[in-house]
Amino acid sequence: MHADLLPVALANYVALSSVIFFIGVAGVVLRRNPLIMLMSIELMWNAANLLFLAFARAWLNNAGHIFAFLVITVAAAEAAIGLAIVVIVFRSRANVDVDEIALMKG
């Protein structure tokens, strides 16, 4: 096998996944916009998917692909339901801030 055809090391996938995951964590912690928070949660799901697929490739096991497919399904449902909740809650408000939900308790 040629040196330029060697596969990418597993440590590179882990490093990239951890960077993507912590970008998502920073988006959830630092931003108060619910849409950005949902996108950040999606980044964290995708970081987990990257690790599932990288380890499935490294261990020559298809279980990681199945888990990644399940995570994609759950992430799509979470995005659809979360976006619907955000639209319903903040439809009548001009300013969209997650901290203002506590003020809406009845």
PDB file of N, CA and C in Angstrom:
ATOM      1  N   MET A   1       0.848  -1.179   0.000  1.00  0.00           N
ATOM      2  CA  MET A   1       0.000   0.000   0.000  1.00  0.00           C
ATOM      3  C   MET A   1       0.891   1.238   0.000  1.00  0.00           C
ATOM      4  N   HIS A   2       0.554   2.201  -0.810  1.00  0.00           N
ATOM      5  CA  HIS A   2       1.336   3.429  -0.890  1.00  0.00           C
ATOM      6  C   HIS A   2       1.115   4.286   0.343  1.00  0.00           C
ATOM      7  N   ALA A   3       2.082   5.125   0.624  1.00  0.00           N
ATOM      8  CA  ALA A   3       1.994   5.968   1.820  1.00  0.00           C
ATOM      9  C   ALA A   3       0.854   6.975   1.715  1.00  0.00           C
ATOM     10  N   ASP A   4       0.530   7.413   0.496  1.00  0.00           N
ATOM     11  CA  ASP A   4      -0.542   8.400   0.359  1.00  0.00           C
ATOM     12  C   ASP A   4      -1.932   7.749   0.367  1.00  0.00           C
ATOM     13  N   LEU A   5      -2.001   6.437   0.374  1.00  0.00           N
ATOM     14  CA  LEU A   5      -3.288   5.750   0.410  1.00  0.00           C
ATOM     15  C   LEU A   5      -3.622   5.196   1.788  1.00  0.00           C
ATOM     16  N   LEU A   6      -2.792   5.481   2.771  1.00  0.00           N
ATOM     17  CA  LEU A   6      -3.057   4.988   4.122  1.00  0.00           C
ATOM     18  C   LEU A   6      -4.308   5.654   4.675  1.00  0.00           C
ATOM     19  N   PRO A   7      -5.114   4.907   5.397  1.00  0.00           N
ATOM     20  CA  PRO A   7      -6.333   5.499   5.963  1.00  0.00           C
ATOM     21  C   PRO A   7      -6.004   6.511   7.059  1.00  0.00           C
ATOM     22  N   VAL A   8      -6.948   7.336   7.329  1.00  0.00           N
ATOM     23  CA  VAL A   8      -6.792   8.350   8.373  1.00  0.00           C
ATOM     24  C   VAL A   8      -6.785   7.654   9.728  1.00  0.00           C
ATOM     25  N   ALA A   9      -5.924   8.084  10.614  1.00  0.00           N
ATOM     26  CA  ALA A   9      -5.813   7.468  11.937  1.00  0.00           C
ATOM     27  C   ALA A   9      -7.077   7.722  12.757  1.00  0.00           C
ATOM     28  N   LEU A  10      -7.372   6.776  13.608  1.00  0.00           N
ATOM     29  CA  LEU A  10      -8.557   6.879  14.454  1.00  0.00           C
ATOM     30  C   LEU A  10      -8.471   8.080  15.394  1.00  0.00           C
ATOM     31  N   ALA A  11      -7.282   8.419  15.824  1.00  0.00           N
ATOM     32  CA  ALA A  11      -7.103   9.572  16.717  1.00  0.00           C
ATOM     33  C   ALA A  11      -7.538  10.871  16.046  1.00  0.00           C
ATOM     34  N   ASN A  12      -7.381  10.962  14.741  1.00  0.00           N
ATOM     35  CA  ASN A  12      -7.833  12.171  14.039  1.00  0.00           C
ATOM     36  C   ASN A  12      -9.346  12.288  14.068  1.00  0.00           C
ATOM     37  N   TYR A  13     -10.039  11.164  13.902  1.00  0.00           N
ATOM     38  CA  TYR A  13     -11.503  11.183  13.993  1.00  0.00           C
ATOM     39  C   TYR A  13     -11.960  11.569  15.401  1.00  0.00           C
ATOM     40  N   VAL A  14     -11.291  11.038  16.408  1.00  0.00           N
ATOM     41  CA  VAL A  14     -11.645  11.361  17.795  1.00  0.00           C
ATOM     42  C   VAL A  14     -11.405  12.841  18.069  1.00  0.00           C
ATOM     43  N   ALA A  15     -10.296  13.365  17.581  1.00  0.00           N
ATOM     44  CA  ALA A  15     -10.000  14.789  17.798  1.00  0.00           C
ATOM     45  C   ALA A  15     -11.021  15.681  17.100  1.00  0.00           C
ATOM     46  N   LEU A  16     -11.343  15.359  15.850  1.00  0.00           N
ATOM     47  CA  LEU A  16     -12.337  16.149  15.126  1.00  0.00           C
ATOM     48  C   LEU A  16     -13.704  16.066  15.797  1.00  0.00           C
ATOM     49  N   SER A  17     -14.080  14.873  16.234  1.00  0.00           N
ATOM     50  CA  SER A  17     -15.364  14.713  16.907  1.00  0.00           C
ATOM     51  C   SER A  17     -15.423  15.492  18.211  1.00  0.00           C
ATOM     52  N   SER A  18     -14.338  15.496  18.962  1.00  0.00           N
ATOM     53  CA  SER A  18     -14.351  16.246  20.219  1.00  0.00           C
ATOM     54  C   SER A  18     -14.403  17.748  19.972  1.00  0.00           C
ATOM     55  N   VAL A  19     -13.750  18.229  18.926  1.00  0.00           N
ATOM     56  CA  VAL A  19     -13.829  19.658  18.592  1.00  0.00           C
ATOM     57  C   VAL A  19     -15.263  20.024  18.212  1.00  0.00           C
ATOM     58  N   ILE A  20     -15.887  19.213  17.367  1.00  0.00           N
ATOM     59  CA  ILE A  20     -17.273  19.480  16.961  1.00  0.00           C
ATOM     60  C   ILE A  20     -18.201  19.421  18.169  1.00  0.00           C
ATOM     61  N   PHE A  21     -17.989  18.440  19.041  1.00  0.00           N
ATOM     62  CA  PHE A  21     -18.847  18.309  20.217  1.00  0.00           C
ATOM     63  C   PHE A  21     -18.727  19.525  21.131  1.00  0.00           C
ATOM     64  N   PHE A  22     -17.505  20.006  21.369  1.00  0.00           N
ATOM     65  CA  PHE A  22     -17.339  21.139  22.273  1.00  0.00           C
ATOM     66  C   PHE A  22     -17.779  22.453  21.645  1.00  0.00           C
ATOM     67  N   ILE A  23     -17.775  22.545  20.335  1.00  0.00           N
ATOM     68  CA  ILE A  23     -18.400  23.704  19.683  1.00  0.00           C
ATOM     69  C   ILE A  23     -19.898  23.681  19.965  1.00  0.00           C
ATOM     70  N   GLY A  24     -20.495  22.494  19.892  1.00  0.00           N
ATOM     71  CA  GLY A  24     -21.919  22.363  20.222  1.00  0.00           C
ATOM     72  C   GLY A  24     -22.210  22.686  21.672  1.00  0.00           C
ATOM     73  N   VAL A  25     -21.360  22.222  22.574  1.00  0.00           N
ATOM     74  CA  VAL A  25     -21.546  22.528  24.002  1.00  0.00           C
ATOM     75  C   VAL A  25     -21.445  24.030  24.237  1.00  0.00           C
ATOM     76  N   ALA A  26     -20.475  24.670  23.606  1.00  0.00           N
ATOM     77  CA  ALA A  26     -20.327  26.118  23.759  1.00  0.00           C
ATOM     78  C   ALA A  26     -21.551  26.842  23.218  1.00  0.00           C
ATOM     79  N   GLY A  27     -22.116  26.362  22.117  1.00  0.00           N
ATOM     80  CA  GLY A  27     -23.319  26.990  21.572  1.00  0.00           C
ATOM     81  C   GLY A  27     -24.511  26.862  22.495  1.00  0.00           C
ATOM     82  N   VAL A  28     -24.646  25.717  23.155  1.00  0.00           N
ATOM     83  CA  VAL A  28     -25.763  25.533  24.082  1.00  0.00           C
ATOM     84  C   VAL A  28     -25.573  26.381  25.334  1.00  0.00           C
ATOM     85  N   VAL A  29     -24.353  26.440  25.838  1.00  0.00           N
ATOM     86  CA  VAL A  29     -24.098  27.132  27.104  1.00  0.00           C
ATOM     87  C   VAL A  29     -24.069  28.648  26.924  1.00  0.00           C
ATOM     88  N   LEU A  30     -23.467  29.120  25.859  1.00  0.00           N
ATOM     89  CA  LEU A  30     -23.227  30.551  25.720  1.00  0.00           C
ATOM     90  C   LEU A  30     -24.342  31.308  25.013  1.00  0.00           C
ATOM     91  N   ARG A  31     -25.054  30.672  24.117  1.00  0.00           N
ATOM     92  CA  ARG A  31     -26.085  31.374  23.344  1.00  0.00           C
ATOM     93  C   ARG A  31     -27.456  31.161  23.968  1.00  0.00           C
ATOM     94  N   ARG A  32     -28.310  32.162  23.909  1.00  0.00           N
ATOM     95  CA  ARG A  32     -29.646  32.063  24.494  1.00  0.00           C
ATOM     96  C   ARG A  32     -30.732  31.975  23.425  1.00  0.00           C
ATOM     97  N   ASN A  33     -30.373  31.996  22.172  1.00  0.00           N
ATOM     98  CA  ASN A  33     -31.345  31.869  21.101  1.00  0.00           C
ATOM     99  C   ASN A  33     -31.704  30.392  20.945  1.00  0.00           C
ATOM    100  N   PRO A  34     -32.989  30.035  21.003  1.00  0.00           N
ATOM    101  CA  PRO A  34     -33.359  28.617  20.954  1.00  0.00           C
ATOM    102  C   PRO A  34     -33.001  27.940  19.635  1.00  0.00           C
ATOM    103  N   LEU A  35     -33.008  28.660  18.534  1.00  0.00           N
ATOM    104  CA  LEU A  35     -32.644  28.046  17.257  1.00  0.00           C
ATOM    105  C   LEU A  35     -31.159  27.700  17.225  1.00  0.00           C
ATOM    106  N   ILE A  36     -30.333  28.577  17.756  1.00  0.00           N
ATOM    107  CA  ILE A  36     -28.900  28.292  17.816  1.00  0.00           C
ATOM    108  C   ILE A  36     -28.636  27.154  18.796  1.00  0.00           C
ATOM    109  N   MET A  37     -29.400  27.102  19.868  1.00  0.00           N
ATOM    110  CA  MET A  37     -29.258  25.997  20.807  1.00  0.00           C
ATOM    111  C   MET A  37     -29.620  24.667  20.148  1.00  0.00           C
ATOM    112  N   LEU A  38     -30.674  24.647  19.342  1.00  0.00           N
ATOM    113  CA  LEU A  38     -31.046  23.421  18.625  1.00  0.00           C
ATOM    114  C   LEU A  38     -29.958  23.017  17.628  1.00  0.00           C
ATOM    115  N   MET A  39     -29.403  23.987  16.928  1.00  0.00           N
ATOM    116  CA  MET A  39     -28.319  23.669  15.997  1.00  0.00           C
ATOM    117  C   MET A  39     -27.097  23.138  16.741  1.00  0.00           C
ATOM    118  N   SER A  40     -26.833  23.669  17.914  1.00  0.00           N
ATOM    119  CA  SER A  40     -25.696  23.201  18.702  1.00  0.00           C
ATOM    120  C   SER A  40     -25.916  21.769  19.191  1.00  0.00           C
ATOM    121  N   ILE A  41     -27.138  21.461  19.557  1.00  0.00           N
ATOM    122  CA  ILE A  41     -27.449  20.085  19.957  1.00  0.00           C
ATOM    123  C   ILE A  41     -27.277  19.144  18.767  1.00  0.00           C
ATOM    124  N   GLU A  42     -27.653  19.596  17.586  1.00  0.00           N
ATOM    125  CA  GLU A  42     -27.441  18.787  16.377  1.00  0.00           C
ATOM    126  C   GLU A  42     -25.949  18.562  16.128  1.00  0.00           C
ATOM    127  N   LEU A  43     -25.122  19.572  16.403  1.00  0.00           N
ATOM    128  CA  LEU A  43     -23.676  19.386  16.279  1.00  0.00           C
ATOM    129  C   LEU A  43     -23.178  18.302  17.224  1.00  0.00           C
ATOM    130  N   MET A  44     -23.704  18.280  18.428  1.00  0.00           N
ATOM    131  CA  MET A  44     -23.287  17.253  19.379  1.00  0.00           C
ATOM    132  C   MET A  44     -23.727  15.868  18.917  1.00  0.00           C
ATOM    133  N   TRP A  45     -24.944  15.749  18.370  1.00  0.00           N
ATOM    134  CA  TRP A  45     -25.398  14.466  17.807  1.00  0.00           C
ATOM    135  C   TRP A  45     -24.461  14.031  16.684  1.00  0.00           C
ATOM    136  N   ASN A  46     -24.095  14.969  15.816  1.00  0.00           N
ATOM    137  CA  ASN A  46     -23.240  14.620  14.678  1.00  0.00           C
ATOM    138  C   ASN A  46     -21.832  14.242  15.119  1.00  0.00           C
ATOM    139  N   ALA A  47     -21.345  14.830  16.182  1.00  0.00           N
ATOM    140  CA  ALA A  47     -20.042  14.430  16.713  1.00  0.00           C
ATOM    141  C   ALA A  47     -20.093  12.984  17.208  1.00  0.00           C
ATOM    142  N   ALA A  48     -21.189  12.630  17.854  1.00  0.00           N
ATOM    143  CA  ALA A  48     -21.353  11.237  18.295  1.00  0.00           C
ATOM    144  C   ALA A  48     -21.449  10.297  17.095  1.00  0.00           C
ATOM    145  N   ASN A  49     -22.153  10.723  16.056  1.00  0.00           N
ATOM    146  CA  ASN A  49     -22.243   9.901  14.846  1.00  0.00           C
ATOM    147  C   ASN A  49     -20.872   9.678  14.216  1.00  0.00           C
ATOM    148  N   LEU A  50     -20.069  10.714  14.183  1.00  0.00           N
ATOM    149  CA  LEU A  50     -18.730  10.578  13.613  1.00  0.00           C
ATOM    150  C   LEU A  50     -17.920   9.536  14.376  1.00  0.00           C
ATOM    151  N   LEU A  51     -18.031   9.542  15.691  1.00  0.00           N
ATOM    152  CA  LEU A  51     -17.306   8.541  16.476  1.00  0.00           C
ATOM    153  C   LEU A  51     -17.864   7.144  16.255  1.00  0.00           C
ATOM    154  N   PHE A  52     -19.189   7.015  16.191  1.00  0.00           N
ATOM    155  CA  PHE A  52     -19.781   5.701  15.906  1.00  0.00           C
ATOM    156  C   PHE A  52     -19.228   5.138  14.602  1.00  0.00           C
ATOM    157  N   LEU A  53     -19.214   5.958  13.567  1.00  0.00           N
ATOM    158  CA  LEU A  53     -18.767   5.488  12.266  1.00  0.00           C
ATOM    159  C   LEU A  53     -17.258   5.240  12.228  1.00  0.00           C
ATOM    160  N   ALA A  54     -16.495   6.070  12.926  1.00  0.00           N
ATOM    161  CA  ALA A  54     -15.045   5.874  12.945  1.00  0.00           C
ATOM    162  C   ALA A  54     -14.677   4.579  13.664  1.00  0.00           C
ATOM    163  N   PHE A  55     -15.303   4.319  14.799  1.00  0.00           N
ATOM    164  CA  PHE A  55     -14.995   3.089  15.515  1.00  0.00           C
ATOM    165  C   PHE A  55     -15.549   1.868  14.793  1.00  0.00           C
ATOM    166  N   ALA A  56     -16.677   2.011  14.117  1.00  0.00           N
ATOM    167  CA  ALA A  56     -17.188   0.896  13.321  1.00  0.00           C
ATOM    168  C   ALA A  56     -16.226   0.547  12.199  1.00  0.00           C
ATOM    169  N   ARG A  57     -15.632   1.556  11.603  1.00  0.00           N
ATOM    170  CA  ARG A  57     -14.652   1.317  10.540  1.00  0.00           C
ATOM    171  C   ARG A  57     -13.370   0.712  11.096  1.00  0.00           C
ATOM    172  N   ALA A  58     -12.934   1.196  12.261  1.00  0.00           N
ATOM    173  CA  ALA A  58     -11.690   0.698  12.845  1.00  0.00           C
ATOM    174  C   ALA A  58     -11.822  -0.749  13.311  1.00  0.00           C
ATOM    175  N   TRP A  59     -12.980  -1.100  13.855  1.00  0.00           N
ATOM    176  CA  TRP A  59     -13.177  -2.444  14.382  1.00  0.00           C
ATOM    177  C   TRP A  59     -13.841  -3.378  13.380  1.00  0.00           C
ATOM    178  N   LEU A  60     -14.112  -2.885  12.160  1.00  0.00           N
ATOM    179  CA  LEU A  60     -14.758  -3.685  11.112  1.00  0.00           C
ATOM    180  C   LEU A  60     -16.056  -4.315  11.606  1.00  0.00           C
ATOM    181  N   ASN A  61     -16.883  -3.470  12.216  1.00  0.00           N
ATOM    182  CA  ASN A  61     -18.145  -3.912  12.786  1.00  0.00           C
ATOM    183  C   ASN A  61     -19.235  -2.970  12.289  1.00  0.00           C
ATOM    184  N   ASN A  62     -20.343  -3.514  11.814  1.00  0.00           N
ATOM    185  CA  ASN A  62     -21.420  -2.687  11.268  1.00  0.00           C
ATOM    186  C   ASN A  62     -22.378  -2.153  12.331  1.00  0.00           C
ATOM    187  N   ALA A  63     -22.176  -2.495  13.578  1.00  0.00           N
ATOM    188  CA  ALA A  63     -23.070  -2.008  14.627  1.00  0.00           C
ATOM    189  C   ALA A  63     -22.999  -0.491  14.749  1.00  0.00           C
ATOM    190  N   GLY A  64     -21.850   0.090  14.513  1.00  0.00           N
ATOM    191  CA  GLY A  64     -21.724   1.550  14.566  1.00  0.00           C
ATOM    192  C   GLY A  64     -22.573   2.244  13.526  1.00  0.00           C
ATOM    193  N   HIS A  65     -22.700   1.626  12.359  1.00  0.00           N
ATOM    194  CA  HIS A  65     -23.542   2.197  11.311  1.00  0.00           C
ATOM    195  C   HIS A  65     -25.012   2.170  11.722  1.00  0.00           C
ATOM    196  N   ILE A  66     -25.409   1.102  12.376  1.00  0.00           N
ATOM    197  CA  ILE A  66     -26.797   0.993  12.837  1.00  0.00           C
ATOM    198  C   ILE A  66     -27.079   2.043  13.905  1.00  0.00           C
ATOM    199  N   PHE A  67     -26.157   2.201  14.849  1.00  0.00           N
ATOM    200  CA  PHE A  67     -26.341   3.217  15.883  1.00  0.00           C
ATOM    201  C   PHE A  67     -26.354   4.620  15.291  1.00  0.00           C
ATOM    202  N   ALA A  68     -25.501   4.867  14.321  1.00  0.00           N
ATOM    203  CA  ALA A  68     -25.486   6.182  13.681  1.00  0.00           C
ATOM    204  C   ALA A  68     -26.816   6.454  12.982  1.00  0.00           C
ATOM    205  N   PHE A  69     -27.368   5.442  12.331  1.00  0.00           N
ATOM    206  CA  PHE A  69     -28.678   5.609  11.687  1.00  0.00           C
ATOM    207  C   PHE A  69     -29.753   5.918  12.721  1.00  0.00           C
ATOM    208  N   LEU A  70     -29.719   5.240  13.860  1.00  0.00           N
ATOM    209  CA  LEU A  70     -30.691   5.513  14.921  1.00  0.00           C
ATOM    210  C   LEU A  70     -30.514   6.924  15.482  1.00  0.00           C
ATOM    211  N   VAL A  71     -29.282   7.361  15.631  1.00  0.00           N
ATOM    212  CA  VAL A  71     -29.020   8.720  16.140  1.00  0.00           C
ATOM    213  C   VAL A  71     -29.523   9.755  15.142  1.00  0.00           C
ATOM    214  N   ILE A  72     -29.326   9.512  13.855  1.00  0.00           N
ATOM    215  CA  ILE A  72     -29.829  10.440  12.841  1.00  0.00           C
ATOM    216  C   ILE A  72     -31.353  10.522  12.909  1.00  0.00           C
ATOM    217  N   THR A  73     -32.011   9.387  13.118  1.00  0.00           N
ATOM    218  CA  THR A  73     -33.471   9.369  13.230  1.00  0.00           C
ATOM    219  C   THR A  73     -33.939  10.153  14.445  1.00  0.00           C
ATOM    220  N   VAL A  74     -33.303   9.939  15.578  1.00  0.00           N
ATOM    221  CA  VAL A  74     -33.677  10.658  16.796  1.00  0.00           C
ATOM    222  C   VAL A  74     -33.388  12.149  16.646  1.00  0.00           C
ATOM    223  N   ALA A  75     -32.281  12.497  16.022  1.00  0.00           N
ATOM    224  CA  ALA A  75     -31.927  13.908  15.831  1.00  0.00           C
ATOM    225  C   ALA A  75     -32.929  14.603  14.920  1.00  0.00           C
ATOM    226  N   ALA A  76     -33.404  13.908  13.893  1.00  0.00           N
ATOM    227  CA  ALA A  76     -34.407  14.511  13.009  1.00  0.00           C
ATOM    228  C   ALA A  76     -35.717  14.737  13.751  1.00  0.00           C
ATOM    229  N   ALA A  77     -36.113  13.776  14.564  1.00  0.00           N
ATOM    230  CA  ALA A  77     -37.342  13.948  15.352  1.00  0.00           C
ATOM    231  C   ALA A  77     -37.182  15.070  16.369  1.00  0.00           C
ATOM    232  N   GLU A  78     -36.027  15.133  16.999  1.00  0.00           N
ATOM    233  CA  GLU A  78     -35.770  16.195  17.973  1.00  0.00           C
ATOM    234  C   GLU A  78     -35.792  17.560  17.311  1.00  0.00           C
ATOM    235  N   ALA A  79     -35.230  17.658  16.126  1.00  0.00           N
ATOM    236  CA  ALA A  79     -35.217  18.937  15.422  1.00  0.00           C
ATOM    237  C   ALA A  79     -36.632  19.354  15.032  1.00  0.00           C
ATOM    238  N   ALA A  80     -37.422  18.425  14.542  1.00  0.00           N
ATOM    239  CA  ALA A  80     -38.786  18.758  14.121  1.00  0.00           C
ATOM    240  C   ALA A  80     -39.649  19.164  15.309  1.00  0.00           C
ATOM    241  N   ILE A  81     -39.602  18.391  16.367  1.00  0.00           N
ATOM    242  CA  ILE A  81     -40.425  18.697  17.544  1.00  0.00           C
ATOM    243  C   ILE A  81     -39.908  19.949  18.245  1.00  0.00           C
ATOM    244  N   GLY A  82     -38.590  20.065  18.376  1.00  0.00           N
ATOM    245  CA  GLY A  82     -38.025  21.249  19.021  1.00  0.00           C
ATOM    246  C   GLY A  82     -38.329  22.525  18.268  1.00  0.00           C
ATOM    247  N   LEU A  83     -38.222  22.472  16.942  1.00  0.00           N
ATOM    248  CA  LEU A  83     -38.526  23.655  16.143  1.00  0.00           C
ATOM    249  C   LEU A  83     -40.002  24.025  16.247  1.00  0.00           C
ATOM    250  N   ALA A  84     -40.876  23.029  16.287  1.00  0.00           N
ATOM    251  CA  ALA A  84     -42.305  23.312  16.448  1.00  0.00           C
ATOM    252  C   ALA A  84     -42.588  23.959  17.793  1.00  0.00           C
ATOM    253  N   ILE A  85     -41.956  23.481  18.834  1.00  0.00           N
ATOM    254  CA  ILE A  85     -42.150  24.074  20.161  1.00  0.00           C
ATOM    255  C   ILE A  85     -41.627  25.504  20.189  1.00  0.00           C
ATOM    256  N   VAL A  86     -40.474  25.732  19.605  1.00  0.00           N
ATOM    257  CA  VAL A  86     -39.904  27.082  19.573  1.00  0.00           C
ATOM    258  C   VAL A  86     -40.824  28.034  18.824  1.00  0.00           C
ATOM    259  N   VAL A  87     -41.360  27.597  17.700  1.00  0.00           N
ATOM    260  CA  VAL A  87     -42.246  28.463  16.912  1.00  0.00           C
ATOM    261  C   VAL A  87     -43.520  28.771  17.689  1.00  0.00           C
ATOM    262  N   ILE A  88     -44.093  27.779  18.359  1.00  0.00           N
ATOM    263  CA  ILE A  88     -45.333  28.004  19.109  1.00  0.00           C
ATOM    264  C   ILE A  88     -45.100  28.906  20.317  1.00  0.00           C
ATOM    265  N   VAL A  89     -44.021  28.674  21.048  1.00  0.00           N
ATOM    266  CA  VAL A  89     -43.768  29.446  22.272  1.00  0.00           C
ATOM    267  C   VAL A  89     -43.429  30.888  21.953  1.00  0.00           C
ATOM    268  N   PHE A  90     -42.624  31.104  20.905  1.00  0.00           N
ATOM    269  CA  PHE A  90     -42.127  32.452  20.638  1.00  0.00           C
ATOM    270  C   PHE A  90     -42.838  33.135  19.472  1.00  0.00           C
ATOM    271  N   ARG A  91     -43.990  32.644  19.070  1.00  0.00           N
ATOM    272  CA  ARG A  91     -44.697  33.234  17.932  1.00  0.00           C
ATOM    273  C   ARG A  91     -45.133  34.668  18.213  1.00  0.00           C
ATOM    274  N   SER A  92     -45.635  34.922  19.396  1.00  0.00           N
ATOM    275  CA  SER A  92     -46.174  36.250  19.696  1.00  0.00           C
ATOM    276  C   SER A  92     -45.141  37.193  20.316  1.00  0.00           C
ATOM    277  N   ARG A  93     -43.931  36.750  20.474  1.00  0.00           N
ATOM    278  CA  ARG A  93     -42.921  37.577  21.121  1.00  0.00           C
ATOM    279  C   ARG A  93     -41.966  38.153  20.090  1.00  0.00           C
ATOM    280  N   ALA A  94     -41.555  39.392  20.316  1.00  0.00           N
ATOM    281  CA  ALA A  94     -40.623  40.040  19.391  1.00  0.00           C
ATOM    282  C   ALA A  94     -39.186  39.596  19.659  1.00  0.00           C
ATOM    283  N   ASN A  95     -38.856  39.414  20.937  1.00  0.00           N
ATOM    284  CA  ASN A  95     -37.507  39.022  21.318  1.00  0.00           C
ATOM    285  C   ASN A  95     -37.508  37.536  21.671  1.00  0.00           C
ATOM    286  N   VAL A  96     -36.611  36.779  21.074  1.00  0.00           N
ATOM    287  CA  VAL A  96     -36.549  35.346  21.322  1.00  0.00           C
ATOM    288  C   VAL A  96     -35.367  35.075  22.241  1.00  0.00           C
ATOM    289  N   ASP A  97     -35.658  34.746  23.505  1.00  0.00           N
ATOM    290  CA  ASP A  97     -34.629  34.458  24.488  1.00  0.00           C
ATOM    291  C   ASP A  97     -35.119  33.315  25.360  1.00  0.00           C
ATOM    292  N   VAL A  98     -34.281  32.329  25.570  1.00  0.00           N
ATOM    293  CA  VAL A  98     -34.680  31.149  26.326  1.00  0.00           C
ATOM    294  C   VAL A  98     -34.947  31.495  27.798  1.00  0.00           C
ATOM    295  N   ASP A  99     -34.265  32.481  28.327  1.00  0.00           N
ATOM    296  CA  ASP A  99     -34.445  32.855  29.725  1.00  0.00           C
ATOM    297  C   ASP A  99     -35.837  33.434  29.966  1.00  0.00           C
ATOM    298  N   GLU A 100     -36.517  33.904  28.941  1.00  0.00           N
ATOM    299  CA  GLU A 100     -37.838  34.494  29.113  1.00  0.00           C
ATOM    300  C   GLU A 100     -38.937  33.457  29.230  1.00  0.00           C
ATOM    301  N   ILE A 101     -38.636  32.199  29.002  1.00  0.00           N
ATOM    302  CA  ILE A 101     -39.650  31.154  29.160  1.00  0.00           C
ATOM    303  C   ILE A 101     -40.069  31.052  30.601  1.00  0.00           C
ATOM    304  N   ALA A 102     -39.174  31.264  31.537  1.00  0.00           N
ATOM    305  CA  ALA A 102     -39.499  31.201  32.956  1.00  0.00           C
ATOM    306  C   ALA A 102     -40.516  32.277  33.328  1.00  0.00           C
ATOM    307  N   LEU A 103     -40.525  33.375  32.615  1.00  0.00           N
ATOM    308  CA  LEU A 103     -41.491  34.439  32.910  1.00  0.00           C
ATOM    309  C   LEU A 103     -42.899  34.074  32.449  1.00  0.00           C
ATOM    310  N   MET A 104     -43.029  33.072  31.602  1.00  0.00           N
ATOM    311  CA  MET A 104     -44.322  32.703  31.043  1.00  0.00           C
ATOM    312  C   MET A 104     -45.074  31.685  31.897  1.00  0.00           C
ATOM    313  N   LYS A 105     -44.497  31.272  33.032  1.00  0.00           N
ATOM    314  CA  LYS A 105     -45.173  30.315  33.900  1.00  0.00           C
ATOM    315  C   LYS A 105     -46.436  30.950  34.472  1.00  0.00           C
ATOM    316  N   GLY A 106     -47.496  30.144  34.555  1.00  0.00           N
ATOM    317  CA  GLY A 106     -48.780  30.685  34.975  1.00  0.00           C
ATOM    318  C   GLY A 106     -49.168  30.381  36.315  1.00  0.00           C
TER     319      GLY A 106
END
